[in-house]
Amino acid sequence: MDRGFASWEFLDELSATQTRFVVQIKNNMKTELEHERYRVVWFCDLENHSEFRLATNLQLLTNEEIGEIYRNPWQIEIL
């Protein structure tokens, strides 16, 4: 989904239905303790000097694995 549609309330709804997700969130979304139930993974594109953040409820994967899941969304569609 587009990061413009991601909100903590929507992610709460997904989690309530046991949906697993990795979604890009806006860089200005608050990520303080009030939302500690989700992991927020930061990545930086050194070429473009841009930062982006991913929110997920997947706890057992590394940050690199979370990044790979986000970068390869078509793998899910191929299945």
N, C-alpha and C. Protein backbone atom coordinates (compact mmCIF):
# COMPACT_ATOMS: atom_id res chain seq x y z
N MET A 1 0.84 -1.17 0.00
CA MET A 1 0.00 0.00 0.00
C MET A 1 0.88 1.23 0.00
N ASP A 2 0.35 2.29 -0.47
CA ASP A 2 1.08 3.55 -0.51
C ASP A 2 1.26 4.08 0.90
N ARG A 3 2.40 4.65 1.17
CA ARG A 3 2.69 5.14 2.53
C ARG A 3 1.72 6.22 2.97
N GLY A 4 1.07 6.90 2.04
CA GLY A 4 0.08 7.90 2.39
C GLY A 4 -1.15 7.31 3.07
N PHE A 5 -1.36 6.01 2.89
CA PHE A 5 -2.52 5.35 3.49
C PHE A 5 -2.18 4.68 4.81
N ALA A 6 -0.92 4.55 5.13
CA ALA A 6 -0.51 3.87 6.35
C ALA A 6 -0.69 4.81 7.55
N SER A 7 -1.38 4.32 8.55
CA SER A 7 -1.51 5.05 9.81
C SER A 7 -1.40 4.01 10.91
N TRP A 8 -1.09 4.45 12.12
CA TRP A 8 -0.98 3.49 13.22
C TRP A 8 -2.31 2.79 13.46
N GLU A 9 -3.40 3.51 13.26
CA GLU A 9 -4.73 2.90 13.47
C GLU A 9 -4.97 1.80 12.44
N PHE A 10 -4.59 2.05 11.19
CA PHE A 10 -4.78 1.03 10.16
C PHE A 10 -3.89 -0.18 10.43
N LEU A 11 -2.67 0.05 10.87
CA LEU A 11 -1.78 -1.06 11.19
C LEU A 11 -2.32 -1.85 12.38
N ASP A 12 -2.96 -1.16 13.32
CA ASP A 12 -3.63 -1.86 14.43
C ASP A 12 -4.73 -2.78 13.91
N GLU A 13 -5.50 -2.29 12.93
CA GLU A 13 -6.56 -3.10 12.34
C GLU A 13 -5.99 -4.33 11.65
N LEU A 14 -4.90 -4.16 10.92
CA LEU A 14 -4.26 -5.31 10.27
C LEU A 14 -3.79 -6.32 11.30
N SER A 15 -3.17 -5.84 12.34
CA SER A 15 -2.66 -6.73 13.39
C SER A 15 -3.80 -7.46 14.10
N ALA A 16 -4.93 -6.80 14.27
CA ALA A 16 -6.07 -7.42 14.94
C ALA A 16 -6.57 -8.63 14.15
N THR A 17 -6.39 -8.62 12.84
CA THR A 17 -6.80 -9.76 12.01
C THR A 17 -5.63 -10.70 11.73
N GLN A 18 -4.54 -10.53 12.47
CA GLN A 18 -3.33 -11.34 12.36
C GLN A 18 -2.69 -11.27 10.97
N THR A 19 -2.85 -10.13 10.31
CA THR A 19 -2.22 -9.90 9.01
C THR A 19 -0.79 -9.45 9.25
N ARG A 20 0.14 -10.07 8.57
CA ARG A 20 1.55 -9.68 8.65
C ARG A 20 1.81 -8.62 7.60
N PHE A 21 2.63 -7.63 7.93
CA PHE A 21 2.86 -6.56 6.97
C PHE A 21 4.26 -5.98 7.08
N VAL A 22 4.72 -5.44 5.97
CA VAL A 22 5.89 -4.57 5.87
C VAL A 22 5.43 -3.43 4.99
N VAL A 23 5.37 -2.23 5.53
CA VAL A 23 4.84 -1.10 4.79
C VAL A 23 5.72 0.12 5.01
N GLN A 24 5.90 0.89 3.94
CA GLN A 24 6.64 2.14 4.09
C GLN A 24 5.74 3.15 4.78
N ILE A 25 6.31 3.88 5.72
CA ILE A 25 5.57 4.92 6.41
C ILE A 25 6.21 6.27 6.12
N LYS A 26 5.44 7.32 6.34
CA LYS A 26 5.97 8.66 6.12
C LYS A 26 7.10 8.93 7.12
N ASN A 27 8.10 9.65 6.69
CA ASN A 27 9.23 9.96 7.56
C ASN A 27 8.84 10.83 8.74
N ASN A 28 7.71 11.53 8.66
CA ASN A 28 7.31 12.40 9.76
C ASN A 28 6.30 11.73 10.70
N MET A 29 6.00 10.44 10.50
CA MET A 29 5.11 9.75 11.44
C MET A 29 5.82 9.58 12.78
N LYS A 30 5.11 9.81 13.85
CA LYS A 30 5.69 9.65 15.18
C LYS A 30 5.99 8.18 15.42
N THR A 31 7.20 7.91 15.89
CA THR A 31 7.60 6.52 16.14
C THR A 31 8.05 6.33 17.58
N GLU A 32 7.62 7.22 18.47
CA GLU A 32 8.02 7.11 19.85
C GLU A 32 7.37 5.90 20.53
N LEU A 33 7.51 5.82 21.81
CA LEU A 33 7.09 4.66 22.58
C LEU A 33 5.62 4.29 22.43
N GLU A 34 4.79 5.23 22.03
CA GLU A 34 3.37 4.93 21.91
C GLU A 34 3.08 3.84 20.88
N HIS A 35 4.02 3.58 20.00
CA HIS A 35 3.82 2.55 18.98
C HIS A 35 4.91 1.50 19.04
N GLU A 36 5.34 1.15 20.22
CA GLU A 36 6.45 0.22 20.36
C GLU A 36 6.08 -1.21 19.98
N ARG A 37 4.80 -1.49 19.73
CA ARG A 37 4.41 -2.85 19.35
C ARG A 37 4.82 -3.17 17.91
N TYR A 38 5.22 -2.18 17.14
CA TYR A 38 5.69 -2.39 15.78
C TYR A 38 7.16 -2.03 15.67
N ARG A 39 7.86 -2.76 14.82
CA ARG A 39 9.24 -2.40 14.51
C ARG A 39 9.24 -1.35 13.43
N VAL A 40 10.09 -0.37 13.58
CA VAL A 40 10.31 0.61 12.52
C VAL A 40 11.77 0.49 12.11
N VAL A 41 11.96 0.16 10.83
CA VAL A 41 13.30 -0.06 10.29
C VAL A 41 13.62 1.11 9.37
N TRP A 42 14.76 1.76 9.60
CA TRP A 42 15.20 2.89 8.79
C TRP A 42 16.21 2.41 7.76
N PHE A 43 16.07 2.92 6.54
CA PHE A 43 17.05 2.66 5.49
C PHE A 43 17.41 3.97 4.83
N CYS A 44 18.62 4.02 4.32
CA CYS A 44 19.09 5.22 3.63
C CYS A 44 19.57 4.83 2.24
N ASP A 45 19.10 5.54 1.24
CA ASP A 45 19.56 5.37 -0.13
C ASP A 45 20.73 6.32 -0.32
N LEU A 46 21.94 5.79 -0.29
CA LEU A 46 23.12 6.63 -0.36
C LEU A 46 23.27 7.33 -1.70
N GLU A 47 22.76 6.71 -2.76
CA GLU A 47 22.83 7.33 -4.08
C GLU A 47 21.99 8.60 -4.15
N ASN A 48 20.76 8.51 -3.65
CA ASN A 48 19.83 9.63 -3.73
C ASN A 48 19.80 10.47 -2.46
N HIS A 49 20.57 10.08 -1.46
CA HIS A 49 20.59 10.78 -0.18
C HIS A 49 19.19 10.92 0.41
N SER A 50 18.43 9.83 0.36
CA SER A 50 17.08 9.86 0.92
C SER A 50 16.93 8.75 1.95
N GLU A 51 16.09 9.01 2.92
CA GLU A 51 15.82 8.06 3.99
C GLU A 51 14.39 7.57 3.88
N PHE A 52 14.18 6.30 4.17
CA PHE A 52 12.82 5.83 4.24
C PHE A 52 12.67 4.87 5.41
N ARG A 53 11.43 4.72 5.88
CA ARG A 53 11.14 3.92 7.06
C ARG A 53 10.09 2.87 6.73
N LEU A 54 10.30 1.70 7.29
CA LEU A 54 9.35 0.61 7.12
C LEU A 54 8.81 0.22 8.48
N ALA A 55 7.51 0.04 8.56
CA ALA A 55 6.88 -0.47 9.79
C ALA A 55 6.48 -1.91 9.54
N THR A 56 6.66 -2.75 10.53
CA THR A 56 6.32 -4.16 10.38
C THR A 56 5.92 -4.75 11.73
N ASN A 57 5.15 -5.81 11.66
CA ASN A 57 4.85 -6.58 12.87
C ASN A 57 5.57 -7.92 12.84
N LEU A 58 6.51 -8.09 11.93
CA LEU A 58 7.34 -9.29 11.86
C LEU A 58 8.51 -9.12 12.82
N GLN A 59 8.59 -9.95 13.82
CA GLN A 59 9.59 -9.76 14.86
C GLN A 59 10.83 -10.65 14.70
N LEU A 60 10.71 -11.77 14.00
CA LEU A 60 11.80 -12.74 13.97
C LEU A 60 12.77 -12.55 12.81
N LEU A 61 12.54 -11.57 11.97
CA LEU A 61 13.40 -11.33 10.82
C LEU A 61 14.39 -10.22 11.12
N THR A 62 15.53 -10.26 10.43
CA THR A 62 16.53 -9.20 10.59
C THR A 62 16.08 -7.96 9.82
N ASN A 63 16.72 -6.84 10.10
CA ASN A 63 16.43 -5.61 9.35
C ASN A 63 16.69 -5.81 7.86
N GLU A 64 17.74 -6.54 7.52
CA GLU A 64 18.06 -6.80 6.12
C GLU A 64 16.97 -7.62 5.45
N GLU A 65 16.44 -8.61 6.16
CA GLU A 65 15.36 -9.42 5.60
C GLU A 65 14.08 -8.60 5.40
N ILE A 66 13.80 -7.69 6.32
CA ILE A 66 12.66 -6.80 6.18
C ILE A 66 12.83 -5.94 4.94
N GLY A 67 14.02 -5.41 4.74
CA GLY A 67 14.31 -4.61 3.56
C GLY A 67 14.14 -5.40 2.27
N GLU A 68 14.59 -6.64 2.27
CA GLU A 68 14.43 -7.49 1.09
C GLU A 68 12.97 -7.76 0.78
N ILE A 69 12.18 -8.01 1.81
CA ILE A 69 10.75 -8.23 1.61
C ILE A 69 10.13 -7.00 0.96
N TYR A 70 10.50 -5.83 1.42
CA TYR A 70 9.94 -4.60 0.87
C TYR A 70 10.40 -4.35 -0.56
N ARG A 71 11.65 -4.65 -0.84
CA ARG A 71 12.20 -4.40 -2.18
C ARG A 71 11.70 -5.41 -3.22
N ASN A 72 11.19 -6.53 -2.79
CA ASN A 72 10.76 -7.58 -3.72
C ASN A 72 9.26 -7.87 -3.62
N PRO A 73 8.40 -6.87 -3.76
CA PRO A 73 6.97 -7.12 -3.59
C PRO A 73 6.37 -8.03 -4.66
N TRP A 74 6.98 -8.06 -5.84
CA TRP A 74 6.41 -8.86 -6.91
C TRP A 74 6.59 -10.35 -6.66
N GLN A 75 7.49 -10.73 -5.80
CA GLN A 75 7.65 -12.14 -5.48
C GLN A 75 6.37 -12.72 -4.89
N ILE A 76 5.65 -11.91 -4.13
CA ILE A 76 4.37 -12.34 -3.56
C ILE A 76 3.36 -12.52 -4.68
N GLU A 77 3.33 -11.60 -5.63
CA GLU A 77 2.38 -11.68 -6.74
C GLU A 77 2.65 -12.90 -7.61
N ILE A 78 3.91 -13.26 -7.79
CA ILE A 78 4.25 -14.41 -8.61
C ILE A 78 3.73 -15.70 -8.01
N LEU A 79 3.74 -15.79 -6.68
CA LEU A 79 3.21 -17.00 -6.02
C LEU A 79 1.76 -17.21 -6.36
